PDB file of N, CA and C in Angstrom:
ATOM      1  N   UNK A   1       1.051  -1.158   0.059  1.00  0.00           N
ATOM      2  CA  UNK A   1       0.182  -0.046  -0.115  1.00  0.00           C
ATOM      3  C   UNK A   1       0.873   1.302   0.030  1.00  0.00           C
ATOM      4  N   UNK A   2       2.035   1.166   0.575  1.00  0.00           N
ATOM      5  CA  UNK A   2       2.834   2.348   0.873  1.00  0.00           C
ATOM      6  C   UNK A   2       3.600   2.649  -0.484  1.00  0.00           C
ATOM      7  N   UNK A   3       3.700   1.635  -1.234  1.00  0.00           N
ATOM      8  CA  UNK A   3       4.620   1.724  -2.579  1.00  0.00           C
ATOM      9  C   UNK A   3       3.417   2.394  -3.381  1.00  0.00           C
ATOM     10  N   UNK A   4       2.044   1.917  -3.316  1.00  0.00           N
ATOM     11  CA  UNK A   4       1.084   2.656  -4.260  1.00  0.00           C
ATOM     12  C   UNK A   4       0.863   3.953  -3.920  1.00  0.00           C
ATOM     13  N   UNK A   5       0.871   4.413  -2.742  1.00  0.00           N
ATOM     14  CA  UNK A   5       0.803   5.772  -2.381  1.00  0.00           C
ATOM     15  C   UNK A   5       2.024   6.757  -2.953  1.00  0.00           C
ATOM     16  N   UNK A   6       2.975   6.175  -2.891  1.00  0.00           N
ATOM     17  CA  UNK A   6       4.347   6.807  -3.219  1.00  0.00           C
ATOM     18  C   UNK A   6       4.163   6.985  -4.807  1.00  0.00           C
ATOM     19  N   UNK A   7       3.750   5.876  -5.748  1.00  0.00           N
ATOM     20  CA  UNK A   7       3.754   5.939  -7.005  1.00  0.00           C
ATOM     21  C   UNK A   7       2.439   6.981  -7.362  1.00  0.00           C
ATOM     22  N   UNK A   8       1.438   6.866  -6.775  1.00  0.00           N
ATOM     23  CA  UNK A   8       0.355   7.872  -7.040  1.00  0.00           C
ATOM     24  C   UNK A   8       0.845   9.387  -6.724  1.00  0.00           C
ATOM     25  N   UNK A   9       1.564   9.720  -5.859  1.00  0.00           N
ATOM     26  CA  UNK A   9       2.195  10.947  -5.448  1.00  0.00           C
ATOM     27  C   UNK A   9       3.179  11.270  -6.598  1.00  0.00           C
ATOM     28  N   UNK A  10       3.879  10.182  -7.188  1.00  0.00           N
ATOM     29  CA  UNK A  10       4.896  10.719  -8.192  1.00  0.00           C
ATOM     30  C   UNK A  10       4.136  10.805  -9.492  1.00  0.00           C
ATOM     31  N   UNK A  11       3.019  10.303  -9.742  1.00  0.00           N
ATOM     32  CA  UNK A  11       2.102  10.559 -10.928  1.00  0.00           C
ATOM     33  C   UNK A  11       1.737  11.919 -10.923  1.00  0.00           C
ATOM     34  N   UNK A  12       1.140  12.190  -9.733  1.00  0.00           N
ATOM     35  CA  UNK A  12       0.598  13.780  -9.595  1.00  0.00           C
ATOM     36  C   UNK A  12       1.602  14.721  -9.771  1.00  0.00           C
ATOM     37  N   UNK A  13       2.863  14.614  -9.136  1.00  0.00           N
ATOM     38  CA  UNK A  13       3.935  15.659  -9.314  1.00  0.00           C
ATOM     39  C   UNK A  13       4.296  15.706 -10.599  1.00  0.00           C
ATOM     40  N   UNK A  14       4.511  14.563 -11.448  1.00  0.00           N
ATOM     41  CA  UNK A  14       4.769  14.662 -12.791  1.00  0.00           C
ATOM     42  C   UNK A  14       3.861  15.355 -13.646  1.00  0.00           C
ATOM     43  N   UNK A  15       2.541  15.173 -13.154  1.00  0.00           N
ATOM     44  CA  UNK A  15       1.464  15.620 -14.265  1.00  0.00           C
ATOM     45  C   UNK A  15       1.610  17.372 -13.856  1.00  0.00           C
ATOM     46  N   UNK A  16       1.608  17.545 -12.458  1.00  0.00           N
ATOM     47  CA  UNK A  16       1.559  19.142 -12.366  1.00  0.00           C
ATOM     48  C   UNK A  16       2.918  19.819 -13.015  1.00  0.00           C
ATOM     49  N   UNK A  17       4.189  19.037 -13.073  1.00  0.00           N
ATOM     50  CA  UNK A  17       5.400  19.608 -13.497  1.00  0.00           C
ATOM     51  C   UNK A  17       5.030  19.714 -15.144  1.00  0.00           C
ATOM     52  N   UNK A  18       4.307  18.790 -15.763  1.00  0.00           N
ATOM     53  CA  UNK A  18       4.581  18.722 -17.195  1.00  0.00           C
ATOM     54  C   UNK A  18       3.231  19.345 -17.627  1.00  0.00           C
ATOM     55  N   UNK A  19       2.223  19.765 -16.863  1.00  0.00           N
ATOM     56  CA  UNK A  19       1.038  20.313 -17.589  1.00  0.00           C
ATOM     57  C   UNK A  19       1.151  21.283 -18.475  1.00  0.00           C
ATOM     58  N   UNK A  20       2.031  22.464 -18.378  1.00  0.00           N
ATOM     59  CA  UNK A  20       2.197  23.392 -19.351  1.00  0.00           C
ATOM     60  C   UNK A  20       2.836  22.907 -20.668  1.00  0.00           C
ATOM     61  N   UNK A  21       3.521  21.836 -20.612  1.00  0.00           N
ATOM     62  CA  UNK A  21       4.042  21.192 -21.798  1.00  0.00           C
ATOM     63  C   UNK A  21       3.189  20.344 -22.571  1.00  0.00           C
ATOM     64  N   UNK A  22       2.065  19.648 -21.930  1.00  0.00           N
ATOM     65  CA  UNK A  22       1.319  18.608 -22.536  1.00  0.00           C
ATOM     66  C   UNK A  22       0.743  18.982 -23.916  1.00  0.00           C
ATOM     67  N   UNK A  23       0.424  20.235 -24.150  1.00  0.00           N
ATOM     68  CA  UNK A  23      -0.038  20.505 -25.478  1.00  0.00           C
ATOM     69  C   UNK A  23       0.997  20.382 -26.469  1.00  0.00           C
ATOM     70  N   UNK A  24       2.225  20.463 -26.240  1.00  0.00           N
ATOM     71  CA  UNK A  24       3.354  20.391 -27.146  1.00  0.00           C
ATOM     72  C   UNK A  24       3.506  18.977 -27.783  1.00  0.00           C
ATOM     73  N   UNK A  25       3.198  18.056 -26.929  1.00  0.00           N
ATOM     74  CA  UNK A  25       3.636  16.597 -27.102  1.00  0.00           C
ATOM     75  C   UNK A  25       2.620  15.816 -27.048  1.00  0.00           C
ATOM     76  N   UNK A  26       2.509  14.678 -27.736  1.00  0.00           N
ATOM     77  CA  UNK A  26       1.383  13.779 -27.669  1.00  0.00           C
ATOM     78  C   UNK A  26       1.560  12.824 -26.500  1.00  0.00           C
ATOM     79  N   UNK A  27       2.600  12.774 -25.809  1.00  0.00           N
ATOM     80  CA  UNK A  27       3.045  11.730 -24.840  1.00  0.00           C
ATOM     81  C   UNK A  27       2.941  12.564 -23.434  1.00  0.00           C
ATOM     82  N   UNK A  28       2.124  11.902 -22.577  1.00  0.00           N
ATOM     83  CA  UNK A  28       2.056  12.798 -21.119  1.00  0.00           C
ATOM     84  C   UNK A  28       2.844  12.013 -20.091  1.00  0.00           C
ATOM     85  N   UNK A  29       3.043  13.058 -19.069  1.00  0.00           N
ATOM     86  CA  UNK A  29       3.760  12.291 -17.922  1.00  0.00           C
ATOM     87  C   UNK A  29       2.941  11.274 -17.345  1.00  0.00           C
ATOM     88  N   UNK A  30       1.715  11.299 -17.326  1.00  0.00           N
ATOM     89  CA  UNK A  30       0.870  10.235 -16.893  1.00  0.00           C
ATOM     90  C   UNK A  30       1.112   8.971 -17.480  1.00  0.00           C
ATOM     91  N   UNK A  31       1.276   8.993 -18.957  1.00  0.00           N
ATOM     92  CA  UNK A  31       1.672   7.664 -19.665  1.00  0.00           C
ATOM     93  C   UNK A  31       3.039   7.132 -19.201  1.00  0.00           C
ATOM     94  N   UNK A  32       3.884   8.136 -19.209  1.00  0.00           N
ATOM     95  CA  UNK A  32       5.354   7.994 -18.838  1.00  0.00           C
ATOM     96  C   UNK A  32       5.577   7.201 -17.509  1.00  0.00           C
ATOM     97  N   UNK A  33       4.918   7.813 -16.474  1.00  0.00           N
ATOM     98  CA  UNK A  33       4.995   7.280 -15.142  1.00  0.00           C
ATOM     99  C   UNK A  33       3.999   5.862 -15.090  1.00  0.00           C
ATOM    100  N   UNK A  34       2.948   5.744 -15.813  1.00  0.00           N
ATOM    101  CA  UNK A  34       2.361   4.579 -15.921  1.00  0.00           C
ATOM    102  C   UNK A  34       3.161   3.373 -16.441  1.00  0.00           C
ATOM    103  N   UNK A  35       3.907   3.833 -17.503  1.00  0.00           N
ATOM    104  CA  UNK A  35       4.706   2.785 -18.131  1.00  0.00           C
ATOM    105  C   UNK A  35       5.692   2.338 -17.348  1.00  0.00           C
ATOM    106  N   UNK A  36       6.299   3.216 -16.439  1.00  0.00           N
ATOM    107  CA  UNK A  36       7.465   2.998 -15.805  1.00  0.00           C
ATOM    108  C   UNK A  36       7.126   2.598 -14.289  1.00  0.00           C
ATOM    109  N   UNK A  37       5.817   2.612 -13.787  1.00  0.00           N
ATOM    110  CA  UNK A  37       5.437   2.401 -12.459  1.00  0.00           C
ATOM    111  C   UNK A  37       5.998   0.917 -11.874  1.00  0.00           C
ATOM    112  N   UNK A  38       5.912  -0.050 -12.683  1.00  0.00           N
ATOM    113  CA  UNK A  38       6.635  -1.233 -12.280  1.00  0.00           C
ATOM    114  C   UNK A  38       8.058  -1.482 -12.000  1.00  0.00           C
ATOM    115  N   UNK A  39       8.669  -0.320 -12.397  1.00  0.00           N
ATOM    116  CA  UNK A  39      10.116  -0.187 -12.081  1.00  0.00           C
ATOM    117  C   UNK A  39      10.400   0.547 -10.900  1.00  0.00           C
ATOM    118  N   UNK A  40       9.478   1.024 -10.070  1.00  0.00           N
ATOM    119  CA  UNK A  40       9.743   1.746  -8.898  1.00  0.00           C
ATOM    120  C   UNK A  40      10.622   0.972  -7.903  1.00  0.00           C
ATOM    121  N   UNK A  41      10.138  -0.189  -7.458  1.00  0.00           N
ATOM    122  CA  UNK A  41      10.931  -1.063  -6.438  1.00  0.00           C
ATOM    123  C   UNK A  41      12.379  -1.312  -6.774  1.00  0.00           C
ATOM    124  N   UNK A  42      12.627  -1.611  -8.300  1.00  0.00           N
ATOM    125  CA  UNK A  42      13.905  -1.821  -8.660  1.00  0.00           C
ATOM    126  C   UNK A  42      14.794  -0.483  -8.564  1.00  0.00           C
ATOM    127  N   UNK A  43      14.263   0.460  -9.142  1.00  0.00           N
ATOM    128  CA  UNK A  43      14.937   1.789  -8.973  1.00  0.00           C
ATOM    129  C   UNK A  43      15.193   2.445  -7.755  1.00  0.00           C
ATOM    130  N   UNK A  44      14.442   1.982  -6.590  1.00  0.00           N
ATOM    131  CA  UNK A  44      14.555   2.653  -5.400  1.00  0.00           C
ATOM    132  C   UNK A  44      15.301   1.536  -4.389  1.00  0.00           C
ATOM    133  N   UNK A  45      14.984   0.335  -4.633  1.00  0.00           N
ATOM    134  CA  UNK A  45      15.560  -0.810  -3.674  1.00  0.00           C
ATOM    135  C   UNK A  45      16.519  -1.679  -4.162  1.00  0.00           C
ATOM    136  N   UNK A  46      16.479  -1.993  -5.596  1.00  0.00           N
ATOM    137  CA  UNK A  46      17.352  -2.728  -6.224  1.00  0.00           C
ATOM    138  C   UNK A  46      16.581  -4.223  -6.333  1.00  0.00           C
ATOM    139  N   UNK A  47      17.477  -5.317  -6.425  1.00  0.00           N
ATOM    140  CA  UNK A  47      16.769  -6.614  -6.941  1.00  0.00           C
ATOM    141  C   UNK A  47      16.605  -7.033  -8.237  1.00  0.00           C
ATOM    142  N   UNK A  48      15.757  -7.735  -8.649  1.00  0.00           N
ATOM    143  CA  UNK A  48      15.446  -8.147 -10.087  1.00  0.00           C
ATOM    144  C   UNK A  48      14.589  -7.031 -10.701  1.00  0.00           C
ATOM    145  N   UNK A  49      14.658  -6.882 -11.949  1.00  0.00           N
ATOM    146  CA  UNK A  49      13.833  -6.161 -12.914  1.00  0.00           C
ATOM    147  C   UNK A  49      12.756  -6.713 -13.121  1.00  0.00           C
ATOM    148  N   UNK A  50      11.413  -6.543 -12.634  1.00  0.00           N
ATOM    149  CA  UNK A  50      10.205  -7.116 -13.016  1.00  0.00           C
ATOM    150  C   UNK A  50       9.929  -7.151 -14.532  1.00  0.00           C
ATOM    151  N   UNK A  51       9.545  -8.184 -15.142  1.00  0.00           N
ATOM    152  CA  UNK A  51       9.139  -8.116 -16.555  1.00  0.00           C
ATOM    153  C   UNK A  51       8.126  -7.113 -16.831  1.00  0.00           C
ATOM    154  N   UNK A  52       7.270  -6.725 -15.928  1.00  0.00           N
ATOM    155  CA  UNK A  52       6.362  -5.694 -16.252  1.00  0.00           C
ATOM    156  C   UNK A  52       6.947  -4.407 -16.404  1.00  0.00           C
ATOM    157  N   UNK A  53       8.186  -4.113 -15.753  1.00  0.00           N
ATOM    158  CA  UNK A  53       8.994  -2.889 -15.758  1.00  0.00           C
ATOM    159  C   UNK A  53       9.603  -2.947 -17.191  1.00  0.00           C
ATOM    160  N   UNK A  54      10.240  -3.895 -17.858  1.00  0.00           N
ATOM    161  CA  UNK A  54      10.826  -3.966 -19.018  1.00  0.00           C
ATOM    162  C   UNK A  54       9.710  -3.810 -19.982  1.00  0.00           C
ATOM    163  N   UNK A  55       8.522  -4.297 -19.935  1.00  0.00           N
ATOM    164  CA  UNK A  55       7.526  -4.281 -21.006  1.00  0.00           C
ATOM    165  C   UNK A  55       7.078  -2.698 -21.002  1.00  0.00           C
ATOM    166  N   UNK A  56       6.950  -1.897 -19.852  1.00  0.00           N
ATOM    167  CA  UNK A  56       6.761  -0.703 -19.734  1.00  0.00           C
ATOM    168  C   UNK A  56       7.931   0.310 -20.536  1.00  0.00           C
ATOM    169  N   UNK A  57       9.089  -0.074 -20.227  1.00  0.00           N
ATOM    170  CA  UNK A  57      10.267   0.625 -20.794  1.00  0.00           C
ATOM    171  C   UNK A  57      10.017   0.547 -22.274  1.00  0.00           C
ATOM    172  N   UNK A  58       9.649  -0.669 -22.997  1.00  0.00           N
ATOM    173  CA  UNK A  58       9.452  -0.988 -24.264  1.00  0.00           C
ATOM    174  C   UNK A  58       8.119  -0.143 -24.783  1.00  0.00           C
ATOM    175  N   UNK A  59       7.229  -0.069 -23.966  1.00  0.00           N
ATOM    176  CA  UNK A  59       5.937   0.586 -24.440  1.00  0.00           C
ATOM    177  C   UNK A  59       6.213   1.942 -24.631  1.00  0.00           C
ATOM    178  N   UNK A  60       6.893   2.634 -23.519  1.00  0.00           N
ATOM    179  CA  UNK A  60       7.393   4.117 -23.602  1.00  0.00           C
ATOM    180  C   UNK A  60       8.095   4.413 -24.595  1.00  0.00           C
ATOM    181  N   UNK A  61       9.119   3.612 -24.938  1.00  0.00           N
ATOM    182  CA  UNK A  61       9.915   3.637 -26.187  1.00  0.00           C
ATOM    183  C   UNK A  61       9.265   3.677 -27.647  1.00  0.00           C
ATOM    184  N   UNK A  62       8.114   2.997 -27.646  1.00  0.00           N
ATOM    185  CA  UNK A  62       7.378   2.943 -28.824  1.00  0.00           C
ATOM    186  C   UNK A  62       6.368   4.042 -28.790  1.00  0.00           C
ATOM    187  N   UNK A  63       5.948   4.560 -27.775  1.00  0.00           N
ATOM    188  CA  UNK A  63       5.143   5.730 -27.747  1.00  0.00           C
ATOM    189  C   UNK A  63       5.996   6.965 -27.980  1.00  0.00           C
ATOM    190  N   UNK A  64       7.298   7.024 -27.773  1.00  0.00           N
ATOM    191  CA  UNK A  64       7.945   8.348 -27.983  1.00  0.00           C
ATOM    192  C   UNK A  64       8.472   8.167 -29.513  1.00  0.00           C
ATOM    193  N   UNK A  65       7.559   8.729 -30.383  1.00  0.00           N
ATOM    194  CA  UNK A  65       7.841   8.445 -32.018  1.00  0.00           C
ATOM    195  C   UNK A  65       8.579   9.754 -32.367  1.00  0.00           C
ATOM    196  N   UNK A  66       8.205  11.113 -31.880  1.00  0.00           N
ATOM    197  CA  UNK A  66       8.653  12.304 -32.492  1.00  0.00           C
ATOM    198  C   UNK A  66       9.773  12.918 -31.542  1.00  0.00           C
ATOM    199  N   UNK A  67      10.333  13.797 -31.949  1.00  0.00           N
ATOM    200  CA  UNK A  67      11.541  14.542 -31.233  1.00  0.00           C
ATOM    201  C   UNK A  67      10.583  15.130 -29.943  1.00  0.00           C
ATOM    202  N   UNK A  68       9.663  15.748 -30.128  1.00  0.00           N
ATOM    203  CA  UNK A  68       8.804  16.447 -28.900  1.00  0.00           C
ATOM    204  C   UNK A  68       8.461  15.175 -28.101  1.00  0.00           C
ATOM    205  N   UNK A  69       7.957  14.269 -28.599  1.00  0.00           N
ATOM    206  CA  UNK A  69       7.602  13.141 -27.537  1.00  0.00           C
ATOM    207  C   UNK A  69       8.984  12.634 -26.709  1.00  0.00           C
ATOM    208  N   UNK A  70       9.943  12.537 -27.484  1.00  0.00           N
ATOM    209  CA  UNK A  70      11.270  12.082 -26.519  1.00  0.00           C
ATOM    210  C   UNK A  70      11.505  13.042 -25.695  1.00  0.00           C
ATOM    211  N   UNK A  71      11.441  14.345 -25.978  1.00  0.00           N
ATOM    212  CA  UNK A  71      11.723  15.463 -25.156  1.00  0.00           C
ATOM    213  C   UNK A  71      10.964  15.680 -23.923  1.00  0.00           C
ATOM    214  N   UNK A  72       9.667  15.306 -24.219  1.00  0.00           N
ATOM    215  CA  UNK A  72       8.631  15.221 -23.256  1.00  0.00           C
ATOM    216  C   UNK A  72       8.995  14.106 -22.360  1.00  0.00           C
ATOM    217  N   UNK A  73       9.042  12.973 -22.816  1.00  0.00           N
ATOM    218  CA  UNK A  73       9.318  11.849 -21.834  1.00  0.00           C
ATOM    219  C   UNK A  73      10.606  12.031 -21.201  1.00  0.00           C
ATOM    220  N   UNK A  74      11.706  12.661 -21.638  1.00  0.00           N
ATOM    221  CA  UNK A  74      12.935  13.048 -20.858  1.00  0.00           C
ATOM    222  C   UNK A  74      12.401  13.985 -19.775  1.00  0.00           C
ATOM    223  N   UNK A  75      11.843  15.004 -20.032  1.00  0.00           N
ATOM    224  CA  UNK A  75      11.456  15.795 -18.837  1.00  0.00           C
ATOM    225  C   UNK A  75      10.489  15.214 -17.919  1.00  0.00           C
ATOM    226  N   UNK A  76       9.728  14.225 -18.201  1.00  0.00           N
ATOM    227  CA  UNK A  76       8.773  13.633 -17.197  1.00  0.00           C
ATOM    228  C   UNK A  76       9.636  12.729 -16.307  1.00  0.00           C
ATOM    229  N   UNK A  77      10.621  11.913 -17.105  1.00  0.00           N
ATOM    230  CA  UNK A  77      11.505  11.104 -16.274  1.00  0.00           C
ATOM    231  C   UNK A  77      12.449  11.918 -15.275  1.00  0.00           C
ATOM    232  N   UNK A  78      12.899  13.108 -15.771  1.00  0.00           N
ATOM    233  CA  UNK A  78      13.631  13.943 -14.692  1.00  0.00           C
ATOM    234  C   UNK A  78      12.745  14.400 -13.610  1.00  0.00           C
ATOM    235  N   UNK A  79      11.434  14.798 -13.932  1.00  0.00           N
ATOM    236  CA  UNK A  79      10.572  15.314 -12.836  1.00  0.00           C
ATOM    237  C   UNK A  79      10.194  14.202 -11.950  1.00  0.00           C
ATOM    238  N   UNK A  80      10.213  12.918 -12.198  1.00  0.00           N
ATOM    239  CA  UNK A  80      10.098  11.833 -11.363  1.00  0.00           C
ATOM    240  C   UNK A  80      11.196  11.535 -10.612  1.00  0.00           C
ATOM    241  N   UNK A  81      12.245  11.627 -11.331  1.00  0.00           N
ATOM    242  CA  UNK A  81      13.640  11.512 -10.599  1.00  0.00           C
ATOM    243  C   UNK A  81      13.782  12.519  -9.440  1.00  0.00           C
ATOM    244  N   UNK A  82      13.575  13.647  -9.613  1.00  0.00           N
ATOM    245  CA  UNK A  82      13.427  14.738  -8.825  1.00  0.00           C
ATOM    246  C   UNK A  82      12.474  14.756  -7.443  1.00  0.00           C
ATOM    247  N   UNK A  83      11.393  13.993  -7.876  1.00  0.00           N
ATOM    248  CA  UNK A  83      10.279  13.909  -6.943  1.00  0.00           C
ATOM    249  C   UNK A  83      10.766  12.517  -5.942  1.00  0.00           C
ATOM    250  N   UNK A  84      11.542  11.592  -6.530  1.00  0.00           N
ATOM    251  CA  UNK A  84      12.022  10.572  -5.949  1.00  0.00           C
ATOM    252  C   UNK A  84      13.319  10.812  -4.934  1.00  0.00           C
ATOM    253  N   UNK A  85      13.918  11.966  -5.411  1.00  0.00           N
ATOM    254  CA  UNK A  85      15.251  12.454  -4.753  1.00  0.00           C
ATOM    255  C   UNK A  85      15.986  11.353  -4.352  1.00  0.00           C
ATOM    256  N   UNK A  86      16.587  11.350  -3.263  1.00  0.00           N
ATOM    257  CA  UNK A  86      17.903  10.398  -2.818  1.00  0.00           C
ATOM    258  C   UNK A  86      17.478   8.987  -2.877  1.00  0.00           C
ATOM    259  N   UNK A  87      16.038   8.601  -2.856  1.00  0.00           N
ATOM    260  CA  UNK A  87      15.642   7.275  -2.838  1.00  0.00           C
ATOM    261  C   UNK A  87      15.914   6.610  -4.364  1.00  0.00           C
ATOM    262  N   UNK A  88      16.147   7.402  -5.308  1.00  0.00           N
ATOM    263  CA  UNK A  88      16.298   6.952  -6.682  1.00  0.00           C
ATOM    264  C   UNK A  88      17.682   6.536  -6.855  1.00  0.00           C
ATOM    265  N   UNK A  89      18.043   5.333  -7.295  1.00  0.00           N
ATOM    266  CA  UNK A  89      19.483   4.897  -7.530  1.00  0.00           C
ATOM    267  C   UNK A  89      19.947   5.214  -9.008  1.00  0.00           C
ATOM    268  N   UNK A  90      20.657   6.289  -9.157  1.00  0.00           N
ATOM    269  CA  UNK A  90      20.872   6.907 -10.443  1.00  0.00           C
ATOM    270  C   UNK A  90      21.485   5.622 -11.435  1.00  0.00           C
ATOM    271  N   UNK A  91      22.580   5.012 -10.696  1.00  0.00           N
ATOM    272  CA  UNK A  91      23.251   3.960 -11.604  1.00  0.00           C
ATOM    273  C   UNK A  91      22.118   2.985 -12.136  1.00  0.00           C
ATOM    274  N   UNK A  92      21.118   2.518 -11.231  1.00  0.00           N
ATOM    275  CA  UNK A  92      20.112   1.587 -11.867  1.00  0.00           C
ATOM    276  C   UNK A  92      19.234   2.207 -12.893  1.00  0.00           C
ATOM    277  N   UNK A  93      18.845   3.515 -12.625  1.00  0.00           N
ATOM    278  CA  UNK A  93      18.060   4.284 -13.710  1.00  0.00           C
ATOM    279  C   UNK A  93      18.734   4.390 -15.100  1.00  0.00           C
ATOM    280  N   UNK A  94      20.124   4.580 -15.112  1.00  0.00           N
ATOM    281  CA  UNK A  94      20.879   4.757 -16.287  1.00  0.00           C
ATOM    282  C   UNK A  94      21.005   3.480 -16.987  1.00  0.00           C
ATOM    283  N   UNK A  95      21.081   2.340 -16.232  1.00  0.00           N
ATOM    284  CA  UNK A  95      21.258   1.006 -16.972  1.00  0.00           C
ATOM    285  C   UNK A  95      19.969   0.267 -17.269  1.00  0.00           C
ATOM    286  N   UNK A  96      18.681   0.901 -16.940  1.00  0.00           N
ATOM    287  CA  UNK A  96      17.600   0.238 -17.133  1.00  0.00           C
ATOM    288  C   UNK A  96      17.283   0.313 -18.428  1.00  0.00           C
ATOM    289  N   UNK A  97      17.349   1.152 -19.464  1.00  0.00           N
ATOM    290  CA  UNK A  97      17.291   0.771 -20.737  1.00  0.00           C
ATOM    291  C   UNK A  97      17.784  -0.376 -21.373  1.00  0.00           C
ATOM    292  N   UNK A  98      19.100  -0.382 -21.180  1.00  0.00           N
ATOM    293  CA  UNK A  98      19.858  -1.323 -21.796  1.00  0.00           C
ATOM    294  C   UNK A  98      19.742  -2.836 -21.182  1.00  0.00           C
ATOM    295  N   UNK A  99      19.386  -2.867 -19.850  1.00  0.00           N
ATOM    296  CA  UNK A  99      19.127  -4.190 -19.175  1.00  0.00           C
ATOM    297  C   UNK A  99      17.569  -4.753 -19.729  1.00  0.00           C
ATOM    298  N   UNK A 100      16.823  -3.734 -20.218  1.00  0.00           N
ATOM    299  CA  UNK A 100      15.580  -4.171 -20.938  1.00  0.00           C
ATOM    300  C   UNK A 100      15.636  -4.172 -22.692  1.00  0.00           C
ATOM    301  N   UNK A 101      16.882  -4.143 -22.829  1.00  0.00           N
ATOM    302  CA  UNK A 101      17.274  -4.332 -24.374  1.00  0.00           C
ATOM    303  C   UNK A 101      16.446  -3.340 -25.046  1.00  0.00           C
ATOM    304  N   UNK A 102      16.582  -1.993 -24.734  1.00  0.00           N
ATOM    305  CA  UNK A 102      15.990  -0.903 -25.387  1.00  0.00           C
ATOM    306  C   UNK A 102      16.824   0.021 -25.523  1.00  0.00           C
ATOM    307  N   UNK A 103      17.324   0.472 -26.848  1.00  0.00           N
ATOM    308  CA  UNK A 103      18.033   1.618 -27.186  1.00  0.00           C
ATOM    309  C   UNK A 103      17.452   2.904 -27.161  1.00  0.00           C
ATOM    310  N   UNK A 104      18.122   3.855 -26.582  1.00  0.00           N
ATOM    311  CA  UNK A 104      17.446   5.449 -26.484  1.00  0.00           C
ATOM    312  C   UNK A 104      18.900   5.991 -26.724  1.00  0.00           C
ATOM    313  N   UNK A 105      18.331   7.333 -27.450  1.00  0.00           N
ATOM    314  CA  UNK A 105      19.591   8.129 -27.979  1.00  0.00           C
ATOM    315  C   UNK A 105      20.058   8.978 -26.867  1.00  0.00           C
ATOM    316  N   UNK A 106      19.666   8.834 -25.752  1.00  0.00           N
ATOM    317  CA  UNK A 106      20.245   9.911 -24.608  1.00  0.00           C
ATOM    318  C   UNK A 106      20.355   9.216 -23.402  1.00  0.00           C
ATOM    319  N   UNK A 107      21.223   9.543 -22.539  1.00  0.00           N
ATOM    320  CA  UNK A 107      21.611   8.994 -21.360  1.00  0.00           C
ATOM    321  C   UNK A 107      20.353   9.330 -20.211  1.00  0.00           C
ATOM    322  N   UNK A 108      19.841   8.384 -19.527  1.00  0.00           N
ATOM    323  CA  UNK A 108      19.040   8.489 -18.453  1.00  0.00           C
ATOM    324  C   UNK A 108      19.793   9.151 -17.260  1.00  0.00           C
ATOM    325  N   UNK A 109      19.758  10.518 -16.999  1.00  0.00           N
ATOM    326  CA  UNK A 109      20.515  11.234 -15.976  1.00  0.00           C
ATOM    327  C   UNK A 109      19.852  12.394 -15.588  1.00  0.00           C
ATOM    328  N   UNK A 110      20.222  13.029 -14.397  1.00  0.00           N
ATOM    329  CA  UNK A 110      19.576  14.148 -13.960  1.00  0.00           C
ATOM    330  C   UNK A 110      20.130  15.254 -14.942  1.00  0.00           C
ATOM    331  N   UNK A 111      21.329  15.094 -15.344  1.00  0.00           N
ATOM    332  CA  UNK A 111      22.101  16.192 -16.103  1.00  0.00           C
ATOM    333  C   UNK A 111      21.725  16.148 -17.649  1.00  0.00           C
ATOM    334  N   UNK A 112      20.961  15.080 -18.045  1.00  0.00           N
ATOM    335  CA  UNK A 112      20.707  15.213 -19.480  1.00  0.00           C
ATOM    336  C   UNK A 112      19.960  16.554 -19.837  1.00  0.00           C
ATOM    337  N   UNK A 113      20.434  17.361 -20.890  1.00  0.00           N
ATOM    338  CA  UNK A 113      19.563  18.404 -21.500  1.00  0.00           C
ATOM    339  C   UNK A 113      18.426  17.860 -22.299  1.00  0.00           C
ATOM    340  N   UNK A 114      17.211  17.808 -21.690  1.00  0.00           N
ATOM    341  CA  UNK A 114      16.139  17.318 -22.591  1.00  0.00           C
ATOM    342  C   UNK A 114      15.987  17.958 -23.892  1.00  0.00           C
ATOM    343  N   UNK A 115      16.362  19.249 -23.862  1.00  0.00           N
ATOM    344  CA  UNK A 115      16.048  20.006 -25.237  1.00  0.00           C
ATOM    345  C   UNK A 115      16.907  19.508 -26.261  1.00  0.00           C
ATOM    346  N   UNK A 116      18.088  18.789 -26.045  1.00  0.00           N
ATOM    347  CA  UNK A 116      19.015  18.381 -27.091  1.00  0.00           C
ATOM    348  C   UNK A 116      18.567  16.874 -27.518  1.00  0.00           C
ATOM    349  N   UNK A 117      17.618  16.294 -26.922  1.00  0.00           N
ATOM    350  CA  UNK A 117      17.040  14.880 -27.214  1.00  0.00           C
ATOM    351  C   UNK A 117      16.554  14.949 -28.518  1.00  0.00           C
ATOM    352  N   UNK A 118      16.867  14.145 -29.407  1.00  0.00           N
ATOM    353  CA  UNK A 118      16.130  14.136 -30.730  1.00  0.00           C
ATOM    354  C   UNK A 118      15.589  12.871 -31.028  1.00  0.00           C
TER     355      UNK A 118
END
């Protein structure tokens, strides 16, 4: 139940952060956090990567078709990372796409400039 509350809080924070950008891109922060929701425990506590997490990573990758979509997904991921703060393991987050056999054109990092994502 505690994990569900944290995930719900994370979704709400992401939606508030990205609301002004929502009209610019077809992808929403709700879709991003929904796709990555099953990754929460892995990203914060470690252990194995749930199958549903990798399915969500692949789904998110297929939804982000345009440059605007990819930039928006990047911003949503960064907003979620900020919301998680020190609970997020940055190394696990950076390795997640590769571990799920998904190639993306930018690093998953708090320092990524989402405006340069293509």
